[in-house]
Amino acid sequence: MKLLLDENLSDRVIPRIIDLYPYSKHVKTLSLTSTDDALIWAYAKTNGFVIVSKDSDFYQRSLLYGHPPKFIYLRIGNNPTLKVVQILRDSFDVITQFAASTTESILVLS
């Protein structure tokens, strides 16, 4: 499973989760920062990523269009990078089940 972290999350998260989520990327490393959400959505869909963001716009897009791509909505406000890392690591089993589901489009984590 590959996660695509949105620009509202630090790119420093990736090295701390890559052992659990191989091939995951940050939009910064893909030159997708300051890009329209529709382009990020299309990139994730084409390339098999699960989008991870604190952006409610992706939540709305997921409600409207369903999946793919799947969307993990981090409802955590402003928290340090280590908190994001902890949530993604602690939720590995839940995220894996979500990614494998054929019916779920959105996973909300807090």
PDB file of N, CA and C in Angstrom:
ATOM      1  N   MET A   1       0.843  -1.175   0.000  1.00  0.00           N
ATOM      2  CA  MET A   1       0.000   0.000   0.000  1.00  0.00           C
ATOM      3  C   MET A   1       0.886   1.235   0.000  1.00  0.00           C
ATOM      4  N   LYS A   2       0.554   2.167  -0.874  1.00  0.00           N
ATOM      5  CA  LYS A   2       1.314   3.397  -1.027  1.00  0.00           C
ATOM      6  C   LYS A   2       0.467   4.571  -0.563  1.00  0.00           C
ATOM      7  N   LEU A   3       1.034   5.358   0.341  1.00  0.00           N
ATOM      8  CA  LEU A   3       0.361   6.559   0.802  1.00  0.00           C
ATOM      9  C   LEU A   3       0.925   7.763   0.064  1.00  0.00           C
ATOM     10  N   LEU A   4       0.050   8.707  -0.245  1.00  0.00           N
ATOM     11  CA  LEU A   4       0.461   9.977  -0.827  1.00  0.00           C
ATOM     12  C   LEU A   4       0.078  11.068   0.163  1.00  0.00           C
ATOM     13  N   LEU A   5       1.090  11.658   0.813  1.00  0.00           N
ATOM     14  CA  LEU A   5       0.845  12.682   1.818  1.00  0.00           C
ATOM     15  C   LEU A   5       0.707  14.046   1.164  1.00  0.00           C
ATOM     16  N   ASP A   6      -0.350  14.741   1.538  1.00  0.00           N
ATOM     17  CA  ASP A   6      -0.635  16.067   1.016  1.00  0.00           C
ATOM     18  C   ASP A   6       0.332  17.084   1.620  1.00  0.00           C
ATOM     19  N   GLU A   7       0.369  18.274   1.023  1.00  0.00           N
ATOM     20  CA  GLU A   7       1.322  19.281   1.457  1.00  0.00           C
ATOM     21  C   GLU A   7       1.040  19.837   2.854  1.00  0.00           C
ATOM     22  N   ASN A   8      -0.146  19.600   3.410  1.00  0.00           N
ATOM     23  CA  ASN A   8      -0.414  20.075   4.763  1.00  0.00           C
ATOM     24  C   ASN A   8       0.188  19.150   5.828  1.00  0.00           C
ATOM     25  N   LEU A   9       0.874  18.117   5.383  1.00  0.00           N
ATOM     26  CA  LEU A   9       1.622  17.215   6.266  1.00  0.00           C
ATOM     27  C   LEU A   9       3.100  17.341   5.919  1.00  0.00           C
ATOM     28  N   SER A  10       3.937  17.213   6.895  1.00  0.00           N
ATOM     29  CA  SER A  10       5.373  17.364   6.667  1.00  0.00           C
ATOM     30  C   SER A  10       5.939  16.219   5.829  1.00  0.00           C
ATOM     31  N   ASP A  11       6.862  16.561   4.947  1.00  0.00           N
ATOM     32  CA  ASP A  11       7.535  15.524   4.164  1.00  0.00           C
ATOM     33  C   ASP A  11       8.473  14.686   5.043  1.00  0.00           C
ATOM     34  N   ARG A  12       8.721  15.140   6.263  1.00  0.00           N
ATOM     35  CA  ARG A  12       9.557  14.375   7.197  1.00  0.00           C
ATOM     36  C   ARG A  12       8.841  13.148   7.757  1.00  0.00           C
ATOM     37  N   VAL A  13       7.554  13.017   7.478  1.00  0.00           N
ATOM     38  CA  VAL A  13       6.801  11.835   7.917  1.00  0.00           C
ATOM     39  C   VAL A  13       7.244  10.601   7.126  1.00  0.00           C
ATOM     40  N   ILE A  14       7.488  10.763   5.839  1.00  0.00           N
ATOM     41  CA  ILE A  14       7.761   9.626   4.944  1.00  0.00           C
ATOM     42  C   ILE A  14       8.892   8.728   5.448  1.00  0.00           C
ATOM     43  N   PRO A  15      10.076   9.252   5.768  1.00  0.00           N
ATOM     44  CA  PRO A  15      11.148   8.348   6.222  1.00  0.00           C
ATOM     45  C   PRO A  15      10.804   7.575   7.500  1.00  0.00           C
ATOM     46  N   ARG A  16       9.839   8.082   8.261  1.00  0.00           N
ATOM     47  CA  ARG A  16       9.477   7.459   9.533  1.00  0.00           C
ATOM     48  C   ARG A  16       8.371   6.414   9.401  1.00  0.00           C
ATOM     49  N   ILE A  17       7.795   6.302   8.199  1.00  0.00           N
ATOM     50  CA  ILE A  17       6.733   5.304   7.989  1.00  0.00           C
ATOM     51  C   ILE A  17       7.018   4.369   6.818  1.00  0.00           C
ATOM     52  N   ILE A  18       8.112   4.615   6.105  1.00  0.00           N
ATOM     53  CA  ILE A  18       8.375   3.883   4.864  1.00  0.00           C
ATOM     54  C   ILE A  18       8.537   2.381   5.103  1.00  0.00           C
ATOM     55  N   ASP A  19       8.934   1.988   6.308  1.00  0.00           N
ATOM     56  CA  ASP A  19       9.064   0.552   6.597  1.00  0.00           C
ATOM     57  C   ASP A  19       7.693  -0.131   6.610  1.00  0.00           C
ATOM     58  N   LEU A  20       6.648   0.598   6.984  1.00  0.00           N
ATOM     59  CA  LEU A  20       5.295   0.041   7.004  1.00  0.00           C
ATOM     60  C   LEU A  20       4.545   0.296   5.694  1.00  0.00           C
ATOM     61  N   TYR A  21       4.823   1.421   5.067  1.00  0.00           N
ATOM     62  CA  TYR A  21       4.116   1.834   3.856  1.00  0.00           C
ATOM     63  C   TYR A  21       5.127   2.075   2.726  1.00  0.00           C
ATOM     64  N   PRO A  22       5.687   0.986   2.180  1.00  0.00           N
ATOM     65  CA  PRO A  22       6.708   1.139   1.141  1.00  0.00           C
ATOM     66  C   PRO A  22       6.166   1.903  -0.076  1.00  0.00           C
ATOM     67  N   TYR A  23       7.049   2.616  -0.707  1.00  0.00           N
ATOM     68  CA  TYR A  23       6.756   3.375  -1.936  1.00  0.00           C
ATOM     69  C   TYR A  23       5.835   4.568  -1.696  1.00  0.00           C
ATOM     70  N   SER A  24       5.609   4.906  -0.437  1.00  0.00           N
ATOM     71  CA  SER A  24       4.822   6.089  -0.133  1.00  0.00           C
ATOM     72  C   SER A  24       5.610   7.335  -0.510  1.00  0.00           C
ATOM     73  N   LYS A  25       4.877   8.403  -0.819  1.00  0.00           N
ATOM     74  CA  LYS A  25       5.502   9.645  -1.277  1.00  0.00           C
ATOM     75  C   LYS A  25       4.801  10.844  -0.654  1.00  0.00           C
ATOM     76  N   HIS A  26       5.486  11.958  -0.706  1.00  0.00           N
ATOM     77  CA  HIS A  26       4.924  13.246  -0.331  1.00  0.00           C
ATOM     78  C   HIS A  26       4.752  14.039  -1.616  1.00  0.00           C
ATOM     79  N   VAL A  27       3.707  14.858  -1.696  1.00  0.00           N
ATOM     80  CA  VAL A  27       3.484  15.638  -2.919  1.00  0.00           C
ATOM     81  C   VAL A  27       4.694  16.496  -3.276  1.00  0.00           C
ATOM     82  N   LYS A  28       5.461  16.890  -2.285  1.00  0.00           N
ATOM     83  CA  LYS A  28       6.655  17.713  -2.525  1.00  0.00           C
ATOM     84  C   LYS A  28       7.666  16.975  -3.392  1.00  0.00           C
ATOM     85  N   THR A  29       7.878  15.696  -3.122  1.00  0.00           N
ATOM     86  CA  THR A  29       8.870  14.927  -3.888  1.00  0.00           C
ATOM     87  C   THR A  29       8.379  14.626  -5.297  1.00  0.00           C
ATOM     88  N   LEU A  30       7.102  14.804  -5.544  1.00  0.00           N
ATOM     89  CA  LEU A  30       6.523  14.558  -6.868  1.00  0.00           C
ATOM     90  C   LEU A  30       6.239  15.868  -7.610  1.00  0.00           C
ATOM     91  N   SER A  31       6.728  16.975  -7.046  1.00  0.00           N
ATOM     92  CA  SER A  31       6.510  18.310  -7.621  1.00  0.00           C
ATOM     93  C   SER A  31       5.027  18.634  -7.776  1.00  0.00           C
ATOM     94  N   LEU A  32       4.241  18.231  -6.772  1.00  0.00           N
ATOM     95  CA  LEU A  32       2.804  18.485  -6.794  1.00  0.00           C
ATOM     96  C   LEU A  32       2.361  19.482  -5.723  1.00  0.00           C
ATOM     97  N   THR A  33       3.311  20.210  -5.131  1.00  0.00           N
ATOM     98  CA  THR A  33       2.920  21.218  -4.141  1.00  0.00           C
ATOM     99  C   THR A  33       2.257  22.387  -4.864  1.00  0.00           C
ATOM    100  N   SER A  34       1.377  23.043  -4.178  1.00  0.00           N
ATOM    101  CA  SER A  34       0.601  24.160  -4.737  1.00  0.00           C
ATOM    102  C   SER A  34      -0.136  23.761  -6.008  1.00  0.00           C
ATOM    103  N   THR A  35      -0.510  22.496  -6.065  1.00  0.00           N
ATOM    104  CA  THR A  35      -1.228  21.961  -7.212  1.00  0.00           C
ATOM    105  C   THR A  35      -2.701  21.832  -6.855  1.00  0.00           C
ATOM    106  N   ASP A  36      -3.547  21.993  -7.825  1.00  0.00           N
ATOM    107  CA  ASP A  36      -4.983  21.823  -7.633  1.00  0.00           C
ATOM    108  C   ASP A  36      -5.271  20.423  -7.096  1.00  0.00           C
ATOM    109  N   ASP A  37      -6.198  20.327  -6.162  1.00  0.00           N
ATOM    110  CA  ASP A  37      -6.559  19.036  -5.573  1.00  0.00           C
ATOM    111  C   ASP A  37      -6.988  18.019  -6.632  1.00  0.00           C
ATOM    112  N   ALA A  38      -7.614  18.481  -7.691  1.00  0.00           N
ATOM    113  CA  ALA A  38      -8.059  17.570  -8.753  1.00  0.00           C
ATOM    114  C   ALA A  38      -6.874  16.871  -9.417  1.00  0.00           C
ATOM    115  N   LEU A  39      -5.752  17.571  -9.550  1.00  0.00           N
ATOM    116  CA  LEU A  39      -4.567  16.954 -10.151  1.00  0.00           C
ATOM    117  C   LEU A  39      -3.931  15.935  -9.211  1.00  0.00           C
ATOM    118  N   ILE A  40      -3.907  16.265  -7.925  1.00  0.00           N
ATOM    119  CA  ILE A  40      -3.389  15.311  -6.936  1.00  0.00           C
ATOM    120  C   ILE A  40      -4.282  14.080  -6.903  1.00  0.00           C
ATOM    121  N   TRP A  41      -5.586  14.296  -6.941  1.00  0.00           N
ATOM    122  CA  TRP A  41      -6.557  13.199  -6.955  1.00  0.00           C
ATOM    123  C   TRP A  41      -6.307  12.293  -8.167  1.00  0.00           C
ATOM    124  N   ALA A  42      -6.160  12.895  -9.330  1.00  0.00           N
ATOM    125  CA  ALA A  42      -5.933  12.131 -10.561  1.00  0.00           C
ATOM    126  C   ALA A  42      -4.613  11.372 -10.505  1.00  0.00           C
ATOM    127  N   TYR A  43      -3.572  12.010  -9.960  1.00  0.00           N
ATOM    128  CA  TYR A  43      -2.270  11.337  -9.839  1.00  0.00           C
ATOM    129  C   TYR A  43      -2.388  10.117  -8.931  1.00  0.00           C
ATOM    130  N   ALA A  44      -3.040  10.296  -7.789  1.00  0.00           N
ATOM    131  CA  ALA A  44      -3.214   9.187  -6.844  1.00  0.00           C
ATOM    132  C   ALA A  44      -4.013   8.055  -7.484  1.00  0.00           C
ATOM    133  N   LYS A  45      -5.045   8.399  -8.191  1.00  0.00           N
ATOM    134  CA  LYS A  45      -5.890   7.394  -8.839  1.00  0.00           C
ATOM    135  C   LYS A  45      -5.103   6.612  -9.884  1.00  0.00           C
ATOM    136  N   THR A  46      -4.375   7.315 -10.723  1.00  0.00           N
ATOM    137  CA  THR A  46      -3.602   6.684 -11.798  1.00  0.00           C
ATOM    138  C   THR A  46      -2.470   5.817 -11.266  1.00  0.00           C
ATOM    139  N   ASN A  47      -1.885   6.229 -10.149  1.00  0.00           N
ATOM    140  CA  ASN A  47      -0.686   5.563  -9.642  1.00  0.00           C
ATOM    141  C   ASN A  47      -0.901   4.696  -8.409  1.00  0.00           C
ATOM    142  N   GLY A  48      -2.154   4.462  -8.029  1.00  0.00           N
ATOM    143  CA  GLY A  48      -2.461   3.525  -6.953  1.00  0.00           C
ATOM    144  C   GLY A  48      -2.115   3.985  -5.548  1.00  0.00           C
ATOM    145  N   PHE A  49      -2.214   5.283  -5.298  1.00  0.00           N
ATOM    146  CA  PHE A  49      -1.938   5.815  -3.970  1.00  0.00           C
ATOM    147  C   PHE A  49      -3.222   5.972  -3.161  1.00  0.00           C
ATOM    148  N   VAL A  50      -3.080   5.917  -1.848  1.00  0.00           N
ATOM    149  CA  VAL A  50      -4.113   6.320  -0.892  1.00  0.00           C
ATOM    150  C   VAL A  50      -3.700   7.711  -0.424  1.00  0.00           C
ATOM    151  N   ILE A  51      -4.564   8.693  -0.596  1.00  0.00           N
ATOM    152  CA  ILE A  51      -4.254  10.060  -0.189  1.00  0.00           C
ATOM    153  C   ILE A  51      -4.428  10.204   1.318  1.00  0.00           C
ATOM    154  N   VAL A  52      -3.466  10.895   1.952  1.00  0.00           N
ATOM    155  CA  VAL A  52      -3.541  11.204   3.383  1.00  0.00           C
ATOM    156  C   VAL A  52      -3.445  12.711   3.512  1.00  0.00           C
ATOM    157  N   SER A  53      -4.429  13.306   4.192  1.00  0.00           N
ATOM    158  CA  SER A  53      -4.457  14.763   4.294  1.00  0.00           C
ATOM    159  C   SER A  53      -5.289  15.208   5.481  1.00  0.00           C
ATOM    160  N   LYS A  54      -5.080  16.472   5.864  1.00  0.00           N
ATOM    161  CA  LYS A  54      -5.943  17.131   6.837  1.00  0.00           C
ATOM    162  C   LYS A  54      -6.916  18.060   6.126  1.00  0.00           C
ATOM    163  N   ASP A  55      -6.923  18.006   4.805  1.00  0.00           N
ATOM    164  CA  ASP A  55      -7.707  18.897   3.956  1.00  0.00           C
ATOM    165  C   ASP A  55      -9.131  18.379   3.777  1.00  0.00           C
ATOM    166  N   SER A  56     -10.106  19.160   4.234  1.00  0.00           N
ATOM    167  CA  SER A  56     -11.496  18.735   4.105  1.00  0.00           C
ATOM    168  C   SER A  56     -11.968  18.735   2.653  1.00  0.00           C
ATOM    169  N   ASP A  57     -11.249  19.417   1.766  1.00  0.00           N
ATOM    170  CA  ASP A  57     -11.610  19.391   0.342  1.00  0.00           C
ATOM    171  C   ASP A  57     -11.504  17.974  -0.225  1.00  0.00           C
ATOM    172  N   PHE A  58     -10.476  17.238   0.185  1.00  0.00           N
ATOM    173  CA  PHE A  58     -10.355  15.847  -0.256  1.00  0.00           C
ATOM    174  C   PHE A  58     -11.487  14.996   0.314  1.00  0.00           C
ATOM    175  N   TYR A  59     -11.902  15.317   1.527  1.00  0.00           N
ATOM    176  CA  TYR A  59     -13.029  14.615   2.140  1.00  0.00           C
ATOM    177  C   TYR A  59     -14.280  14.803   1.272  1.00  0.00           C
ATOM    178  N   GLN A  60     -14.539  16.047   0.894  1.00  0.00           N
ATOM    179  CA  GLN A  60     -15.700  16.341   0.050  1.00  0.00           C
ATOM    180  C   GLN A  60     -15.579  15.654  -1.313  1.00  0.00           C
ATOM    181  N   ARG A  61     -14.401  15.678  -1.891  1.00  0.00           N
ATOM    182  CA  ARG A  61     -14.178  15.043  -3.190  1.00  0.00           C
ATOM    183  C   ARG A  61     -14.417  13.535  -3.089  1.00  0.00           C
ATOM    184  N   SER A  62     -13.990  12.943  -1.993  1.00  0.00           N
ATOM    185  CA  SER A  62     -14.178  11.507  -1.797  1.00  0.00           C
ATOM    186  C   SER A  62     -15.652  11.163  -1.639  1.00  0.00           C
ATOM    187  N   LEU A  63     -16.389  12.010  -0.931  1.00  0.00           N
ATOM    188  CA  LEU A  63     -17.835  11.790  -0.796  1.00  0.00           C
ATOM    189  C   LEU A  63     -18.529  11.878  -2.150  1.00  0.00           C
ATOM    190  N   LEU A  64     -18.077  12.801  -2.963  1.00  0.00           N
ATOM    191  CA  LEU A  64     -18.689  13.030  -4.269  1.00  0.00           C
ATOM    192  C   LEU A  64     -18.337  11.953  -5.288  1.00  0.00           C
ATOM    193  N   TYR A  65     -17.048  11.561  -5.340  1.00  0.00           N
ATOM    194  CA  TYR A  65     -16.586  10.659  -6.397  1.00  0.00           C
ATOM    195  C   TYR A  65     -16.314   9.227  -5.952  1.00  0.00           C
ATOM    196  N   GLY A  66     -16.257   8.983  -4.648  1.00  0.00           N
ATOM    197  CA  GLY A  66     -15.921   7.632  -4.186  1.00  0.00           C
ATOM    198  C   GLY A  66     -14.463   7.298  -4.472  1.00  0.00           C
ATOM    199  N   HIS A  67     -14.186   6.037  -4.589  1.00  0.00           N
ATOM    200  CA  HIS A  67     -12.807   5.626  -4.850  1.00  0.00           C
ATOM    201  C   HIS A  67     -12.726   4.817  -6.134  1.00  0.00           C
ATOM    202  N   PRO A  68     -11.572   4.678  -6.737  1.00  0.00           N
ATOM    203  CA  PRO A  68     -10.267   5.167  -6.276  1.00  0.00           C
ATOM    204  C   PRO A  68     -10.088   6.653  -6.572  1.00  0.00           C
ATOM    205  N   PRO A  69      -9.154   7.283  -5.910  1.00  0.00           N
ATOM    206  CA  PRO A  69      -8.320   6.758  -4.837  1.00  0.00           C
ATOM    207  C   PRO A  69      -9.057   6.796  -3.502  1.00  0.00           C
ATOM    208  N   LYS A  70      -8.547   6.057  -2.580  1.00  0.00           N
ATOM    209  CA  LYS A  70      -9.080   6.100  -1.222  1.00  0.00           C
ATOM    210  C   LYS A  70      -8.463   7.293  -0.507  1.00  0.00           C
ATOM    211  N   PHE A  71      -9.130   7.715   0.569  1.00  0.00           N
ATOM    212  CA  PHE A  71      -8.697   8.908   1.276  1.00  0.00           C
ATOM    213  C   PHE A  71      -8.688   8.674   2.779  1.00  0.00           C
ATOM    214  N   ILE A  72      -7.561   9.003   3.405  1.00  0.00           N
ATOM    215  CA  ILE A  72      -7.438   8.966   4.859  1.00  0.00           C
ATOM    216  C   ILE A  72      -7.443  10.415   5.343  1.00  0.00           C
ATOM    217  N   TYR A  73      -8.470  10.739   6.108  1.00  0.00           N
ATOM    218  CA  TYR A  73      -8.675  12.092   6.609  1.00  0.00           C
ATOM    219  C   TYR A  73      -8.148  12.166   8.036  1.00  0.00           C
ATOM    220  N   LEU A  74      -7.077  12.919   8.241  1.00  0.00           N
ATOM    221  CA  LEU A  74      -6.512  13.107   9.575  1.00  0.00           C
ATOM    222  C   LEU A  74      -7.166  14.332  10.206  1.00  0.00           C
ATOM    223  N   ARG A  75      -8.042  14.084  11.144  1.00  0.00           N
ATOM    224  CA  ARG A  75      -8.734  15.179  11.848  1.00  0.00           C
ATOM    225  C   ARG A  75      -8.001  15.434  13.155  1.00  0.00           C
ATOM    226  N   ILE A  76      -6.839  16.063  13.021  1.00  0.00           N
ATOM    227  CA  ILE A  76      -5.974  16.225  14.190  1.00  0.00           C
ATOM    228  C   ILE A  76      -5.557  17.669  14.428  1.00  0.00           C
ATOM    229  N   GLY A  77      -6.000  18.598  13.606  1.00  0.00           N
ATOM    230  CA  GLY A  77      -5.599  19.988  13.786  1.00  0.00           C
ATOM    231  C   GLY A  77      -4.100  20.145  13.631  1.00  0.00           C
ATOM    232  N   ASN A  78      -3.561  21.171  14.258  1.00  0.00           N
ATOM    233  CA  ASN A  78      -2.118  21.408  14.192  1.00  0.00           C
ATOM    234  C   ASN A  78      -1.421  20.569  15.250  1.00  0.00           C
ATOM    235  N   ASN A  79      -0.722  19.567  14.788  1.00  0.00           N
ATOM    236  CA  ASN A  79       0.027  18.689  15.669  1.00  0.00           C
ATOM    237  C   ASN A  79       1.417  18.501  15.100  1.00  0.00           C
ATOM    238  N   PRO A  80       2.370  18.183  15.956  1.00  0.00           N
ATOM    239  CA  PRO A  80       3.727  17.979  15.457  1.00  0.00           C
ATOM    240  C   PRO A  80       3.816  16.752  14.539  1.00  0.00           C
ATOM    241  N   THR A  81       4.852  16.730  13.749  1.00  0.00           N
ATOM    242  CA  THR A  81       5.110  15.634  12.821  1.00  0.00           C
ATOM    243  C   THR A  81       5.093  14.284  13.528  1.00  0.00           C
ATOM    244  N   LEU A  82       5.658  14.236  14.718  1.00  0.00           N
ATOM    245  CA  LEU A  82       5.708  12.959  15.446  1.00  0.00           C
ATOM    246  C   LEU A  82       4.314  12.420  15.755  1.00  0.00           C
ATOM    247  N   LYS A  83       3.338  13.300  15.955  1.00  0.00           N
ATOM    248  CA  LYS A  83       1.962  12.861  16.196  1.00  0.00           C
ATOM    249  C   LYS A  83       1.383  12.217  14.939  1.00  0.00           C
ATOM    250  N   VAL A  84       1.641  12.791  13.777  1.00  0.00           N
ATOM    251  CA  VAL A  84       1.182  12.210  12.513  1.00  0.00           C
ATOM    252  C   VAL A  84       1.827  10.838  12.310  1.00  0.00           C
ATOM    253  N   VAL A  85       3.118  10.764  12.563  1.00  0.00           N
ATOM    254  CA  VAL A  85       3.837   9.489  12.445  1.00  0.00           C
ATOM    255  C   VAL A  85       3.225   8.449  13.376  1.00  0.00           C
ATOM    256  N   GLN A  86       2.977   8.837  14.617  1.00  0.00           N
ATOM    257  CA  GLN A  86       2.406   7.915  15.602  1.00  0.00           C
ATOM    258  C   GLN A  86       1.039   7.402  15.149  1.00  0.00           C
ATOM    259  N   ILE A  87       0.190   8.292  14.652  1.00  0.00           N
ATOM    260  CA  ILE A  87      -1.144   7.883  14.203  1.00  0.00           C
ATOM    261  C   ILE A  87      -1.039   6.893  13.048  1.00  0.00           C
ATOM    262  N   LEU A  88      -0.204   7.198  12.064  1.00  0.00           N
ATOM    263  CA  LEU A  88      -0.078   6.305  10.903  1.00  0.00           C
ATOM    264  C   LEU A  88       0.530   4.961  11.290  1.00  0.00           C
ATOM    265  N   ARG A  89       1.481   4.963  12.203  1.00  0.00           N
ATOM    266  CA  ARG A  89       2.085   3.700  12.641  1.00  0.00           C
ATOM    267  C   ARG A  89       1.110   2.893  13.514  1.00  0.00           C
ATOM    268  N   ASP A  90       0.465   3.565  14.460  1.00  0.00           N
ATOM    269  CA  ASP A  90      -0.462   2.880  15.362  1.00  0.00           C
ATOM    270  C   ASP A  90      -1.704   2.360  14.637  1.00  0.00           C
ATOM    271  N   SER A  91      -2.051   2.987  13.527  1.00  0.00           N
ATOM    272  CA  SER A  91      -3.259   2.615  12.775  1.00  0.00           C
ATOM    273  C   SER A  91      -2.963   1.689  11.599  1.00  0.00           C
ATOM    274  N   PHE A  92      -1.790   1.110  11.549  1.00  0.00           N
ATOM    275  CA  PHE A  92      -1.392   0.288  10.407  1.00  0.00           C
ATOM    276  C   PHE A  92      -2.419  -0.795  10.076  1.00  0.00           C
ATOM    277  N   ASP A  93      -2.884  -1.544  11.073  1.00  0.00           N
ATOM    278  CA  ASP A  93      -3.846  -2.620  10.813  1.00  0.00           C
ATOM    279  C   ASP A  93      -5.173  -2.073  10.277  1.00  0.00           C
ATOM    280  N   VAL A  94      -5.644  -0.989  10.862  1.00  0.00           N
ATOM    281  CA  VAL A  94      -6.892  -0.368  10.410  1.00  0.00           C
ATOM    282  C   VAL A  94      -6.734   0.152   8.981  1.00  0.00           C
ATOM    283  N   ILE A  95      -5.601   0.787   8.694  1.00  0.00           N
ATOM    284  CA  ILE A  95      -5.344   1.329   7.360  1.00  0.00           C
ATOM    285  C   ILE A  95      -5.228   0.205   6.337  1.00  0.00           C
ATOM    286  N   THR A  96      -4.597  -0.882   6.707  1.00  0.00           N
ATOM    287  CA  THR A  96      -4.468  -2.027   5.801  1.00  0.00           C
ATOM    288  C   THR A  96      -5.840  -2.611   5.468  1.00  0.00           C
ATOM    289  N   GLN A  97      -6.695  -2.756   6.482  1.00  0.00           N
ATOM    290  CA  GLN A  97      -8.055  -3.265   6.242  1.00  0.00           C
ATOM    291  C   GLN A  97      -8.853  -2.293   5.378  1.00  0.00           C
ATOM    292  N   PHE A  98      -8.698  -1.012   5.633  1.00  0.00           N
ATOM    293  CA  PHE A  98      -9.381   0.007   4.839  1.00  0.00           C
ATOM    294  C   PHE A  98      -8.945  -0.060   3.374  1.00  0.00           C
ATOM    295  N   ALA A  99      -7.664  -0.159   3.149  1.00  0.00           N
ATOM    296  CA  ALA A  99      -7.141  -0.211   1.781  1.00  0.00           C
ATOM    297  C   ALA A  99      -7.651  -1.435   1.033  1.00  0.00           C
ATOM    298  N   ALA A 100      -7.858  -2.533   1.746  1.00  0.00           N
ATOM    299  CA  ALA A 100      -8.315  -3.777   1.121  1.00  0.00           C
ATOM    300  C   ALA A 100      -9.832  -3.802   0.896  1.00  0.00           C
ATOM    301  N   SER A 101     -10.545  -2.927   1.545  1.00  0.00           N
ATOM    302  CA  SER A 101     -12.004  -2.900   1.432  1.00  0.00           C
ATOM    303  C   SER A 101     -12.440  -2.471   0.030  1.00  0.00           C
ATOM    304  N   THR A 102     -13.447  -3.137  -0.469  1.00  0.00           N
ATOM    305  CA  THR A 102     -13.969  -2.767  -1.792  1.00  0.00           C
ATOM    306  C   THR A 102     -15.099  -1.733  -1.684  1.00  0.00           C
ATOM    307  N   THR A 103     -15.552  -1.457  -0.467  1.00  0.00           N
ATOM    308  CA  THR A 103     -16.685  -0.553  -0.303  1.00  0.00           C
ATOM    309  C   THR A 103     -16.332   0.788   0.350  1.00  0.00           C
ATOM    310  N   GLU A 104     -15.308   0.839   1.152  1.00  0.00           N
ATOM    311  CA  GLU A 104     -14.980   2.058   1.887  1.00  0.00           C
ATOM    312  C   GLU A 104     -14.125   3.002   1.050  1.00  0.00           C
ATOM    313  N   SER A 105     -14.454   4.286   1.100  1.00  0.00           N
ATOM    314  CA  SER A 105     -13.702   5.305   0.376  1.00  0.00           C
ATOM    315  C   SER A 105     -12.920   6.224   1.302  1.00  0.00           C
ATOM    316  N   ILE A 106     -13.427   6.398   2.531  1.00  0.00           N
ATOM    317  CA  ILE A 106     -12.848   7.369   3.471  1.00  0.00           C
ATOM    318  C   ILE A 106     -12.585   6.686   4.803  1.00  0.00           C
ATOM    319  N   LEU A 107     -11.404   6.976   5.354  1.00  0.00           N
ATOM    320  CA  LEU A 107     -11.072   6.556   6.705  1.00  0.00           C
ATOM    321  C   LEU A 107     -10.718   7.818   7.473  1.00  0.00           C
ATOM    322  N   VAL A 108     -11.419   8.056   8.583  1.00  0.00           N
ATOM    323  CA  VAL A 108     -11.156   9.219   9.416  1.00  0.00           C
ATOM    324  C   VAL A 108     -10.358   8.766  10.632  1.00  0.00           C
ATOM    325  N   LEU A 109      -9.200   9.406  10.836  1.00  0.00           N
ATOM    326  CA  LEU A 109      -8.363   9.100  11.988  1.00  0.00           C
ATOM    327  C   LEU A 109      -8.160  10.379  12.784  1.00  0.00           C
ATOM    328  N   SER A 110      -8.157  10.213  14.110  1.00  0.00           N
ATOM    329  CA  SER A 110      -7.914  11.384  14.963  1.00  0.00           C
ATOM    330  C   SER A 110      -7.065  10.994  16.149  1.00  0.00           C
TER     331      SER A 110
END
